[in-house]
């Protein structure tokens, strides 16, 4: 299937008030929820056992494309900093992983043709494999490697207790938060001017 011609035609980069609004709202929401998740559900240094923010920003990336990715990347770094993570570690650990973590769900819609409303079996398969499992496992390994490289935790902890807490917690959050968000709100969001059919518009 792949992206529709409409999505391809609307993928040119442009900046307007609605795009700035998306970035600001997404970054603020993710930053607040991210800090809350790290502080309230501490697992190992820098890791939340129940990172609430990912449940919301997976949906944001699906709905808002590249602007969602930008907002998520800013928000995750700010959330970590608000929660007390040193700035160099917060940026190094969150920016690359967040681009992947938000980029994969955005890609699922725009390149793989997943309907955000999850109407078909194909939509569900893409959602589970791309928007959940790959979205968690790939950035999780990158995140843990970064923390270990900075000496936040030993490599042995990073890829045992650390990665287990990260992956299991995030997979659960995406299922219990992102799924109802998509099923309940996608119809509405897709009728607004804020929904991005392409990456940027």
N, C-alpha and C. Protein backbone atom coordinates (compact mmCIF):
# COMPACT_ATOMS: atom_id res chain seq x y z
N UNK A 1 0.83 -1.19 0.00
CA UNK A 1 0.00 0.00 0.00
C UNK A 1 0.87 1.25 0.00
N UNK A 2 1.38 1.66 1.20
CA UNK A 2 2.26 2.82 1.25
C UNK A 2 1.49 4.10 1.41
N UNK A 3 2.21 5.19 1.36
CA UNK A 3 1.60 6.50 1.56
C UNK A 3 0.72 6.86 0.38
N UNK A 4 -0.35 7.59 0.66
CA UNK A 4 -1.24 8.03 -0.39
C UNK A 4 -0.61 9.17 -1.17
N UNK A 5 -1.13 9.42 -2.37
CA UNK A 5 -0.60 10.53 -3.16
C UNK A 5 -0.85 11.85 -2.45
N UNK A 6 -1.96 11.92 -1.70
CA UNK A 6 -2.26 13.13 -0.96
C UNK A 6 -1.20 13.38 0.11
N UNK A 7 -0.77 12.32 0.77
CA UNK A 7 0.26 12.47 1.79
C UNK A 7 1.58 12.91 1.18
N UNK A 8 1.90 12.33 0.03
CA UNK A 8 3.15 12.69 -0.62
C UNK A 8 3.14 14.14 -1.08
N UNK A 9 1.99 14.58 -1.60
CA UNK A 9 1.89 15.95 -2.08
C UNK A 9 1.95 16.97 -0.95
N UNK A 10 1.57 16.55 0.28
CA UNK A 10 1.53 17.48 1.40
C UNK A 10 2.75 17.35 2.31
N UNK A 11 3.82 16.77 1.76
CA UNK A 11 5.00 16.53 2.58
C UNK A 11 6.03 17.65 2.48
N UNK A 12 5.76 18.71 1.75
CA UNK A 12 6.71 19.81 1.66
C UNK A 12 6.79 20.54 3.00
N UNK A 13 8.01 20.91 3.37
CA UNK A 13 8.22 21.59 4.66
C UNK A 13 7.70 23.01 4.60
N UNK A 14 6.88 23.36 5.56
CA UNK A 14 6.40 24.74 5.68
C UNK A 14 6.11 25.00 7.16
N UNK A 15 6.20 26.25 7.55
CA UNK A 15 5.99 26.61 8.96
C UNK A 15 4.91 27.66 9.06
N UNK A 16 3.91 27.39 9.87
CA UNK A 16 2.84 28.35 10.11
C UNK A 16 2.44 28.30 11.57
N UNK A 17 1.49 29.13 11.98
CA UNK A 17 1.06 29.16 13.38
C UNK A 17 0.61 27.80 13.91
N UNK A 18 -0.09 27.02 13.07
CA UNK A 18 -0.58 25.73 13.57
C UNK A 18 0.58 24.76 13.84
N UNK A 19 1.64 24.86 13.03
CA UNK A 19 2.79 23.98 13.24
C UNK A 19 3.52 24.34 14.53
N UNK A 20 3.68 25.63 14.76
CA UNK A 20 4.33 26.09 16.00
C UNK A 20 3.48 25.68 17.20
N UNK A 21 2.15 25.82 17.07
CA UNK A 21 1.26 25.44 18.16
C UNK A 21 1.38 23.95 18.48
N UNK A 22 1.47 23.12 17.45
CA UNK A 22 1.63 21.68 17.67
C UNK A 22 2.90 21.40 18.46
N UNK A 23 4.02 21.99 18.03
CA UNK A 23 5.30 21.74 18.70
C UNK A 23 5.24 22.17 20.17
N UNK A 24 4.70 23.36 20.41
CA UNK A 24 4.63 23.88 21.78
C UNK A 24 3.76 23.01 22.68
N UNK A 25 2.58 22.66 22.20
CA UNK A 25 1.66 21.86 23.01
C UNK A 25 2.21 20.46 23.25
N UNK A 26 2.75 19.85 22.20
CA UNK A 26 3.31 18.50 22.34
C UNK A 26 4.51 18.53 23.29
N UNK A 27 5.43 19.47 23.10
CA UNK A 27 6.61 19.55 23.95
C UNK A 27 6.24 19.77 25.42
N UNK A 28 5.27 20.66 25.66
CA UNK A 28 4.85 20.95 27.04
C UNK A 28 4.20 19.72 27.67
N UNK A 29 3.31 19.08 26.93
CA UNK A 29 2.62 17.90 27.46
C UNK A 29 3.59 16.77 27.75
N UNK A 30 4.47 16.50 26.80
CA UNK A 30 5.44 15.42 26.96
C UNK A 30 6.44 15.75 28.08
N UNK A 31 6.86 17.02 28.15
CA UNK A 31 7.80 17.41 29.20
C UNK A 31 7.23 17.20 30.58
N UNK A 32 6.00 17.64 30.80
CA UNK A 32 5.36 17.49 32.12
C UNK A 32 5.13 16.02 32.45
N UNK A 33 4.55 15.27 31.50
CA UNK A 33 4.29 13.85 31.75
C UNK A 33 5.58 13.05 31.89
N UNK A 34 6.61 13.44 31.12
CA UNK A 34 7.88 12.75 31.21
C UNK A 34 8.53 12.92 32.58
N UNK A 35 8.55 14.15 33.07
CA UNK A 35 9.12 14.41 34.39
C UNK A 35 8.34 13.67 35.46
N UNK A 36 7.01 13.69 35.36
CA UNK A 36 6.17 12.99 36.33
C UNK A 36 6.46 11.50 36.33
N UNK A 37 6.59 10.93 35.13
CA UNK A 37 6.85 9.49 35.04
C UNK A 37 8.18 9.09 35.64
N UNK A 38 9.22 9.89 35.38
CA UNK A 38 10.55 9.57 35.91
C UNK A 38 10.58 9.70 37.42
N UNK A 39 9.97 10.76 37.94
CA UNK A 39 9.98 11.00 39.39
C UNK A 39 9.09 10.01 40.13
N UNK A 40 7.92 9.73 39.58
CA UNK A 40 6.92 8.92 40.29
C UNK A 40 7.12 7.42 40.14
N UNK A 41 7.69 6.99 39.03
CA UNK A 41 7.83 5.55 38.79
C UNK A 41 9.29 5.19 38.51
N UNK A 42 10.17 5.69 39.37
CA UNK A 42 11.60 5.46 39.23
C UNK A 42 11.89 3.96 39.24
N UNK A 43 12.70 3.50 38.29
CA UNK A 43 13.09 2.08 38.23
C UNK A 43 14.58 1.96 38.51
N UNK A 44 15.39 2.43 37.58
CA UNK A 44 16.84 2.54 37.76
C UNK A 44 17.19 3.95 37.29
N UNK A 45 18.39 4.47 37.60
CA UNK A 45 18.70 5.86 37.25
C UNK A 45 18.33 6.24 35.82
N UNK A 46 17.48 7.27 35.70
CA UNK A 46 17.10 7.76 34.38
C UNK A 46 15.98 7.01 33.71
N UNK A 47 15.44 5.98 34.36
CA UNK A 47 14.43 5.13 33.73
C UNK A 47 13.17 5.08 34.57
N UNK A 48 12.03 5.25 33.92
CA UNK A 48 10.74 5.12 34.58
C UNK A 48 10.14 3.76 34.26
N UNK A 49 9.62 3.09 35.28
CA UNK A 49 8.97 1.80 35.06
C UNK A 49 7.60 1.97 34.42
N UNK A 50 7.08 3.20 34.45
CA UNK A 50 5.77 3.47 33.84
C UNK A 50 5.83 4.87 33.27
N UNK A 51 6.46 4.99 32.08
CA UNK A 51 6.72 6.29 31.47
C UNK A 51 5.48 6.74 30.72
N UNK A 52 4.59 7.42 31.44
CA UNK A 52 3.29 7.80 30.91
C UNK A 52 3.39 8.57 29.60
N UNK A 53 4.42 9.39 29.48
CA UNK A 53 4.55 10.28 28.32
C UNK A 53 4.52 9.52 27.00
N UNK A 54 5.10 8.32 26.97
CA UNK A 54 5.19 7.60 25.69
C UNK A 54 3.81 7.22 25.17
N UNK A 55 2.87 7.01 26.06
CA UNK A 55 1.52 6.67 25.62
C UNK A 55 0.87 7.80 24.85
N UNK A 56 1.20 9.03 25.25
CA UNK A 56 0.65 10.19 24.56
C UNK A 56 1.47 10.56 23.32
N UNK A 57 2.80 10.52 23.46
CA UNK A 57 3.56 11.02 22.32
C UNK A 57 3.62 10.05 21.15
N UNK A 58 3.30 8.79 21.36
CA UNK A 58 3.15 7.89 20.22
C UNK A 58 1.95 8.33 19.38
N UNK A 59 0.86 8.69 20.07
CA UNK A 59 -0.32 9.20 19.35
C UNK A 59 -0.03 10.54 18.69
N UNK A 60 0.69 11.43 19.40
CA UNK A 60 1.03 12.72 18.82
C UNK A 60 1.84 12.57 17.53
N UNK A 61 2.79 11.64 17.54
CA UNK A 61 3.62 11.42 16.35
C UNK A 61 2.78 10.88 15.20
N UNK A 62 1.85 10.00 15.52
CA UNK A 62 0.97 9.44 14.49
C UNK A 62 0.10 10.54 13.88
N UNK A 63 -0.43 11.42 14.72
CA UNK A 63 -1.33 12.47 14.24
C UNK A 63 -0.60 13.64 13.58
N UNK A 64 0.53 14.03 14.14
CA UNK A 64 1.14 15.30 13.76
C UNK A 64 2.45 15.17 12.97
N UNK A 65 2.80 13.97 12.56
CA UNK A 65 3.94 13.77 11.67
C UNK A 65 5.24 14.36 12.18
N UNK A 66 5.95 15.06 11.27
CA UNK A 66 7.24 15.63 11.63
C UNK A 66 7.17 16.63 12.76
N UNK A 67 6.06 17.37 12.85
CA UNK A 67 5.92 18.34 13.93
C UNK A 67 5.74 17.64 15.26
N UNK A 68 5.07 16.50 15.24
CA UNK A 68 4.97 15.70 16.45
C UNK A 68 6.32 15.19 16.89
N UNK A 69 7.13 14.77 15.92
CA UNK A 69 8.48 14.28 16.24
C UNK A 69 9.32 15.39 16.88
N UNK A 70 9.25 16.59 16.32
CA UNK A 70 10.00 17.72 16.88
C UNK A 70 9.53 18.02 18.30
N UNK A 71 8.23 18.09 18.51
CA UNK A 71 7.70 18.37 19.84
C UNK A 71 8.07 17.30 20.85
N UNK A 72 7.99 16.04 20.44
CA UNK A 72 8.35 14.93 21.32
C UNK A 72 9.83 15.00 21.70
N UNK A 73 10.68 15.27 20.73
CA UNK A 73 12.13 15.32 20.99
C UNK A 73 12.47 16.42 21.99
N UNK A 74 11.85 17.57 21.83
CA UNK A 74 12.07 18.66 22.79
C UNK A 74 11.50 18.29 24.16
N UNK A 75 10.29 17.76 24.17
CA UNK A 75 9.61 17.45 25.42
C UNK A 75 10.29 16.38 26.25
N UNK A 76 10.78 15.32 25.61
CA UNK A 76 11.44 14.26 26.39
C UNK A 76 12.71 14.77 27.05
N UNK A 77 13.46 15.61 26.35
CA UNK A 77 14.68 16.17 26.93
C UNK A 77 14.34 17.11 28.10
N UNK A 78 13.33 17.96 27.90
CA UNK A 78 12.93 18.87 28.97
C UNK A 78 12.42 18.10 30.18
N UNK A 79 11.64 17.05 29.94
CA UNK A 79 11.12 16.25 31.04
C UNK A 79 12.22 15.62 31.87
N UNK A 80 13.25 15.09 31.18
CA UNK A 80 14.37 14.49 31.90
C UNK A 80 15.13 15.53 32.71
N UNK A 81 15.31 16.72 32.13
CA UNK A 81 16.00 17.80 32.84
C UNK A 81 15.19 18.24 34.05
N UNK A 82 13.88 18.40 33.87
CA UNK A 82 13.00 18.77 34.99
C UNK A 82 13.07 17.74 36.11
N UNK A 83 13.26 16.48 35.74
CA UNK A 83 13.30 15.40 36.73
C UNK A 83 14.67 15.29 37.41
N UNK A 84 15.61 16.15 37.00
CA UNK A 84 16.90 16.17 37.67
C UNK A 84 18.05 15.52 36.93
N UNK A 85 17.82 15.08 35.71
CA UNK A 85 18.90 14.48 34.93
C UNK A 85 19.85 15.59 34.46
N UNK A 86 21.17 15.41 34.63
CA UNK A 86 22.11 16.43 34.13
C UNK A 86 21.87 16.70 32.65
N UNK A 87 21.98 17.96 32.26
CA UNK A 87 21.63 18.37 30.90
C UNK A 87 22.38 17.58 29.82
N UNK A 88 23.71 17.40 29.90
CA UNK A 88 24.39 16.64 28.83
C UNK A 88 23.86 15.22 28.68
N UNK A 89 23.57 14.57 29.81
CA UNK A 89 23.05 13.21 29.75
C UNK A 89 21.63 13.21 29.21
N UNK A 90 20.81 14.17 29.66
CA UNK A 90 19.42 14.25 29.19
C UNK A 90 19.36 14.42 27.68
N UNK A 91 20.22 15.29 27.15
CA UNK A 91 20.21 15.54 25.70
C UNK A 91 20.74 14.35 24.93
N UNK A 92 21.87 13.80 25.38
CA UNK A 92 22.49 12.68 24.66
C UNK A 92 21.62 11.43 24.70
N UNK A 93 20.94 11.21 25.83
CA UNK A 93 20.14 9.99 25.96
C UNK A 93 18.78 10.12 25.29
N UNK A 94 18.25 11.33 25.24
CA UNK A 94 16.87 11.49 24.77
C UNK A 94 16.72 11.92 23.31
N UNK A 95 17.61 12.78 22.81
CA UNK A 95 17.39 13.30 21.46
C UNK A 95 17.42 12.21 20.39
N UNK A 96 18.50 11.40 20.29
CA UNK A 96 18.49 10.37 19.22
C UNK A 96 17.35 9.36 19.39
N UNK A 97 17.15 8.90 20.64
CA UNK A 97 16.10 7.92 20.88
C UNK A 97 14.71 8.45 20.59
N UNK A 98 14.48 9.71 20.95
CA UNK A 98 13.15 10.30 20.74
C UNK A 98 12.84 10.47 19.27
N UNK A 99 13.85 10.83 18.48
CA UNK A 99 13.64 10.97 17.04
C UNK A 99 13.19 9.63 16.45
N UNK A 100 13.82 8.55 16.90
CA UNK A 100 13.43 7.23 16.43
C UNK A 100 12.08 6.84 17.01
N UNK A 101 11.91 7.10 18.32
CA UNK A 101 10.72 6.64 19.02
C UNK A 101 9.44 7.33 18.53
N UNK A 102 9.57 8.58 18.14
CA UNK A 102 8.41 9.27 17.56
C UNK A 102 8.38 9.10 16.04
N UNK A 103 9.55 8.97 15.44
CA UNK A 103 9.62 8.85 13.98
C UNK A 103 9.00 7.57 13.45
N UNK A 104 9.16 6.46 14.17
CA UNK A 104 8.60 5.20 13.69
C UNK A 104 7.07 5.22 13.63
N UNK A 105 6.37 5.69 14.66
CA UNK A 105 4.91 5.79 14.53
C UNK A 105 4.47 6.75 13.42
N UNK A 106 5.19 7.87 13.27
CA UNK A 106 4.87 8.80 12.19
C UNK A 106 5.07 8.13 10.83
N UNK A 107 6.12 7.35 10.73
CA UNK A 107 6.41 6.61 9.49
C UNK A 107 5.33 5.56 9.21
N UNK A 108 4.81 4.94 10.27
CA UNK A 108 3.81 3.89 10.08
C UNK A 108 2.60 4.39 9.32
N UNK A 109 2.23 5.66 9.55
CA UNK A 109 1.09 6.25 8.86
C UNK A 109 1.47 6.74 7.47
N UNK A 110 2.59 7.44 7.39
CA UNK A 110 2.92 8.15 6.15
C UNK A 110 3.64 7.30 5.11
N UNK A 111 4.33 6.26 5.52
CA UNK A 111 5.01 5.40 4.56
C UNK A 111 4.40 4.01 4.47
N UNK A 112 3.85 3.52 5.57
CA UNK A 112 3.29 2.17 5.57
C UNK A 112 1.77 2.16 5.40
N UNK A 113 1.15 3.33 5.45
CA UNK A 113 -0.27 3.43 5.19
C UNK A 113 -1.18 2.97 6.32
N UNK A 114 -0.69 2.96 7.56
CA UNK A 114 -1.54 2.59 8.69
C UNK A 114 -2.59 3.66 8.93
N UNK A 115 -3.83 3.26 9.10
CA UNK A 115 -4.90 4.19 9.44
C UNK A 115 -4.85 4.43 10.96
N UNK A 116 -4.72 5.69 11.42
CA UNK A 116 -4.65 5.97 12.85
C UNK A 116 -5.86 5.45 13.64
N UNK A 117 -6.98 5.23 12.94
CA UNK A 117 -8.19 4.75 13.62
C UNK A 117 -8.15 3.24 13.86
N UNK A 118 -7.10 2.57 13.36
CA UNK A 118 -6.90 1.13 13.56
C UNK A 118 -8.14 0.34 13.14
N UNK A 119 -8.49 0.49 11.88
CA UNK A 119 -9.72 -0.11 11.38
C UNK A 119 -9.56 -1.56 10.92
N UNK A 120 -8.38 -1.92 10.45
CA UNK A 120 -8.20 -3.25 9.86
C UNK A 120 -7.15 -4.06 10.60
N UNK A 121 -7.10 -5.34 10.28
CA UNK A 121 -6.08 -6.21 10.87
C UNK A 121 -4.68 -5.72 10.50
N UNK A 122 -4.54 -5.24 9.27
CA UNK A 122 -3.24 -4.72 8.84
C UNK A 122 -2.83 -3.52 9.70
N UNK A 123 -3.77 -2.63 9.97
CA UNK A 123 -3.47 -1.48 10.84
C UNK A 123 -2.97 -1.95 12.20
N UNK A 124 -3.63 -2.95 12.76
CA UNK A 124 -3.24 -3.45 14.08
C UNK A 124 -1.86 -4.10 14.05
N UNK A 125 -1.56 -4.83 12.98
CA UNK A 125 -0.25 -5.47 12.88
C UNK A 125 0.85 -4.43 12.83
N UNK A 126 0.66 -3.39 12.01
CA UNK A 126 1.65 -2.31 11.93
C UNK A 126 1.77 -1.60 13.27
N UNK A 127 0.63 -1.36 13.91
CA UNK A 127 0.64 -0.68 15.20
C UNK A 127 1.44 -1.47 16.23
N UNK A 128 1.19 -2.76 16.32
CA UNK A 128 1.88 -3.59 17.32
C UNK A 128 3.37 -3.71 17.01
N UNK A 129 3.70 -3.99 15.76
CA UNK A 129 5.10 -4.24 15.41
C UNK A 129 5.94 -2.96 15.34
N UNK A 130 5.40 -1.93 14.69
CA UNK A 130 6.17 -0.72 14.46
C UNK A 130 5.98 0.31 15.56
N UNK A 131 4.71 0.61 15.88
CA UNK A 131 4.42 1.69 16.83
C UNK A 131 4.60 1.28 18.28
N UNK A 132 4.73 -0.01 18.51
CA UNK A 132 4.93 -0.46 19.89
C UNK A 132 6.29 -1.15 20.04
N UNK A 133 6.45 -2.33 19.48
CA UNK A 133 7.65 -3.10 19.75
C UNK A 133 8.93 -2.42 19.24
N UNK A 134 8.98 -2.10 17.94
CA UNK A 134 10.19 -1.46 17.40
C UNK A 134 10.41 -0.08 18.03
N UNK A 135 9.30 0.62 18.27
CA UNK A 135 9.37 1.96 18.86
C UNK A 135 9.97 1.92 20.27
N UNK A 136 9.84 0.80 20.94
CA UNK A 136 10.37 0.68 22.30
C UNK A 136 11.75 0.03 22.31
N UNK A 137 11.92 -1.05 21.58
CA UNK A 137 13.15 -1.84 21.68
C UNK A 137 14.36 -1.10 21.11
N UNK A 138 14.24 -0.53 19.91
CA UNK A 138 15.40 0.13 19.30
C UNK A 138 15.86 1.34 20.11
N UNK A 139 14.97 2.29 20.41
CA UNK A 139 15.42 3.43 21.24
C UNK A 139 15.82 3.02 22.64
N UNK A 140 15.19 1.96 23.17
CA UNK A 140 15.54 1.48 24.51
C UNK A 140 16.99 1.05 24.59
N UNK A 141 17.43 0.31 23.60
CA UNK A 141 18.84 -0.13 23.58
C UNK A 141 19.77 1.06 23.44
N UNK A 142 19.40 2.01 22.59
CA UNK A 142 20.21 3.21 22.40
C UNK A 142 20.27 4.03 23.69
N UNK A 143 19.13 4.18 24.35
CA UNK A 143 19.03 4.95 25.60
C UNK A 143 19.90 4.32 26.68
N UNK A 144 19.79 3.01 26.85
CA UNK A 144 20.57 2.33 27.88
C UNK A 144 22.06 2.38 27.60
N UNK A 145 22.43 2.24 26.34
CA UNK A 145 23.85 2.33 25.98
C UNK A 145 24.40 3.71 26.31
N UNK A 146 23.59 4.74 26.08
CA UNK A 146 24.03 6.11 26.38
C UNK A 146 24.22 6.29 27.88
N UNK A 147 23.27 5.81 28.68
CA UNK A 147 23.41 5.93 30.13
C UNK A 147 24.64 5.18 30.64
N UNK A 148 24.86 4.01 30.08
CA UNK A 148 26.03 3.24 30.50
C UNK A 148 27.32 3.93 30.08
N UNK A 149 27.34 4.51 28.88
CA UNK A 149 28.54 5.20 28.40
C UNK A 149 28.86 6.42 29.26
N UNK A 150 27.84 7.07 29.81
CA UNK A 150 28.04 8.22 30.68
C UNK A 150 28.34 7.80 32.12
N UNK A 151 28.32 6.51 32.38
CA UNK A 151 28.62 6.03 33.72
C UNK A 151 27.47 6.13 34.70
N UNK A 152 26.26 6.36 34.19
CA UNK A 152 25.09 6.45 35.06
C UNK A 152 24.81 5.10 35.71
N UNK A 153 25.07 4.03 34.97
CA UNK A 153 24.89 2.68 35.50
C UNK A 153 25.85 1.74 34.77
N UNK A 154 26.19 0.61 35.37
CA UNK A 154 27.06 -0.36 34.69
C UNK A 154 26.36 -0.94 33.46
N UNK A 155 27.16 -1.34 32.48
CA UNK A 155 26.58 -1.94 31.28
C UNK A 155 25.73 -3.17 31.63
N UNK A 156 26.18 -3.93 32.63
CA UNK A 156 25.44 -5.14 33.01
C UNK A 156 24.05 -4.81 33.53
N UNK A 157 23.92 -3.69 34.25
CA UNK A 157 22.61 -3.26 34.77
C UNK A 157 21.78 -2.66 33.64
N UNK A 158 22.43 -1.88 32.79
CA UNK A 158 21.72 -1.22 31.69
C UNK A 158 21.00 -2.22 30.81
N UNK A 159 21.64 -3.37 30.53
CA UNK A 159 21.05 -4.33 29.61
C UNK A 159 20.46 -5.55 30.30
N UNK A 160 20.13 -5.38 31.58
CA UNK A 160 19.34 -6.39 32.31
C UNK A 160 18.14 -5.70 32.93
N UNK A 161 18.30 -5.21 34.15
CA UNK A 161 17.19 -4.54 34.84
C UNK A 161 16.76 -3.28 34.10
N UNK A 162 17.72 -2.53 33.56
CA UNK A 162 17.41 -1.29 32.88
C UNK A 162 16.56 -1.50 31.65
N UNK A 163 17.02 -2.33 30.74
CA UNK A 163 16.30 -2.53 29.49
C UNK A 163 14.97 -3.25 29.73
N UNK A 164 14.95 -4.14 30.72
CA UNK A 164 13.71 -4.85 31.03
C UNK A 164 12.64 -3.87 31.52
N UNK A 165 13.02 -2.98 32.44
CA UNK A 165 12.08 -1.98 32.95
C UNK A 165 11.60 -1.06 31.83
N UNK A 166 12.54 -0.65 30.99
CA UNK A 166 12.23 0.27 29.90
C UNK A 166 11.24 -0.37 28.92
N UNK A 167 11.56 -1.54 28.44
CA UNK A 167 10.76 -2.18 27.40
C UNK A 167 9.40 -2.61 27.92
N UNK A 168 9.38 -3.33 29.02
CA UNK A 168 8.11 -3.83 29.54
C UNK A 168 7.18 -2.68 29.91
N UNK A 169 7.72 -1.68 30.61
CA UNK A 169 6.90 -0.54 31.02
C UNK A 169 6.33 0.21 29.84
N UNK A 170 7.17 0.49 28.83
CA UNK A 170 6.71 1.28 27.68
C UNK A 170 5.71 0.51 26.82
N UNK A 171 5.93 -0.78 26.64
CA UNK A 171 4.99 -1.58 25.85
C UNK A 171 3.61 -1.55 26.51
N UNK A 172 3.57 -1.70 27.83
CA UNK A 172 2.30 -1.68 28.54
C UNK A 172 1.62 -0.31 28.40
N UNK A 173 2.41 0.75 28.58
CA UNK A 173 1.85 2.10 28.50
C UNK A 173 1.25 2.37 27.12
N UNK A 174 1.96 1.99 26.07
CA UNK A 174 1.44 2.22 24.72
C UNK A 174 0.12 1.48 24.51
N UNK A 175 0.04 0.25 24.99
CA UNK A 175 -1.21 -0.49 24.82
C UNK A 175 -2.36 0.13 25.59
N UNK A 176 -2.12 0.56 26.83
CA UNK A 176 -3.24 1.01 27.65
C UNK A 176 -3.57 2.50 27.47
N UNK A 177 -2.64 3.28 26.92
CA UNK A 177 -2.91 4.71 26.72
C UNK A 177 -3.04 5.06 25.25
N UNK A 178 -2.06 4.66 24.42
CA UNK A 178 -2.10 5.04 23.01
C UNK A 178 -3.30 4.42 22.29
N UNK A 179 -3.58 3.16 22.56
CA UNK A 179 -4.67 2.48 21.85
C UNK A 179 -6.01 3.20 22.02
N UNK A 180 -6.45 3.49 23.26
CA UNK A 180 -7.72 4.22 23.38
C UNK A 180 -7.68 5.64 22.83
N UNK A 181 -6.51 6.28 22.89
CA UNK A 181 -6.39 7.61 22.30
C UNK A 181 -6.65 7.54 20.80
N UNK A 182 -6.02 6.59 20.13
CA UNK A 182 -6.19 6.46 18.69
C UNK A 182 -7.62 6.08 18.33
N UNK A 183 -8.15 5.08 19.04
CA UNK A 183 -9.50 4.62 18.72
C UNK A 183 -10.56 5.67 19.06
N UNK A 184 -10.32 6.43 20.12
CA UNK A 184 -11.33 7.37 20.57
C UNK A 184 -11.26 8.75 19.95
N UNK A 185 -10.04 9.19 19.59
CA UNK A 185 -9.88 10.58 19.16
C UNK A 185 -9.42 10.77 17.71
N UNK A 186 -8.95 9.72 17.07
CA UNK A 186 -8.40 9.89 15.71
C UNK A 186 -9.43 10.45 14.73
N UNK A 187 -10.67 9.97 14.82
CA UNK A 187 -11.70 10.49 13.92
C UNK A 187 -11.83 12.00 14.04
N UNK A 188 -11.79 12.50 15.26
CA UNK A 188 -11.91 13.94 15.49
C UNK A 188 -10.66 14.67 15.01
N UNK A 189 -9.48 14.19 15.45
CA UNK A 189 -8.22 14.86 15.10
C UNK A 189 -8.03 14.93 13.60
N UNK A 190 -8.39 13.88 12.90
CA UNK A 190 -8.18 13.82 11.46
C UNK A 190 -9.09 14.78 10.69
N UNK A 191 -10.10 15.32 11.35
CA UNK A 191 -10.97 16.30 10.71
C UNK A 191 -10.54 17.74 10.99
N UNK A 192 -9.50 17.90 11.80
CA UNK A 192 -9.03 19.25 12.14
C UNK A 192 -7.88 19.66 11.23
N UNK A 193 -7.56 20.95 11.27
CA UNK A 193 -6.43 21.47 10.48
C UNK A 193 -5.09 21.03 11.04
N UNK A 194 -5.08 20.48 12.23
CA UNK A 194 -3.82 20.13 12.87
C UNK A 194 -3.31 18.74 12.46
N UNK A 195 -4.17 17.94 11.92
CA UNK A 195 -3.73 16.61 11.48
C UNK A 195 -2.82 16.74 10.26
N UNK A 196 -1.65 16.10 10.33
CA UNK A 196 -0.70 16.15 9.24
C UNK A 196 -0.82 14.90 8.36
N UNK A 197 -1.31 15.05 7.16
CA UNK A 197 -1.42 13.90 6.25
C UNK A 197 -0.05 13.51 5.70
N UNK A 198 0.79 14.49 5.50
CA UNK A 198 2.17 14.22 5.14
C UNK A 198 3.06 14.41 6.36
N UNK A 199 4.36 14.53 6.14
CA UNK A 199 5.27 14.72 7.26
C UNK A 199 5.16 16.10 7.87
N UNK A 200 4.89 17.10 7.01
CA UNK A 200 4.91 18.48 7.49
C UNK A 200 3.61 19.23 7.28
N UNK A 201 2.64 18.66 6.59
CA UNK A 201 1.36 19.33 6.38
C UNK A 201 0.32 18.35 5.86
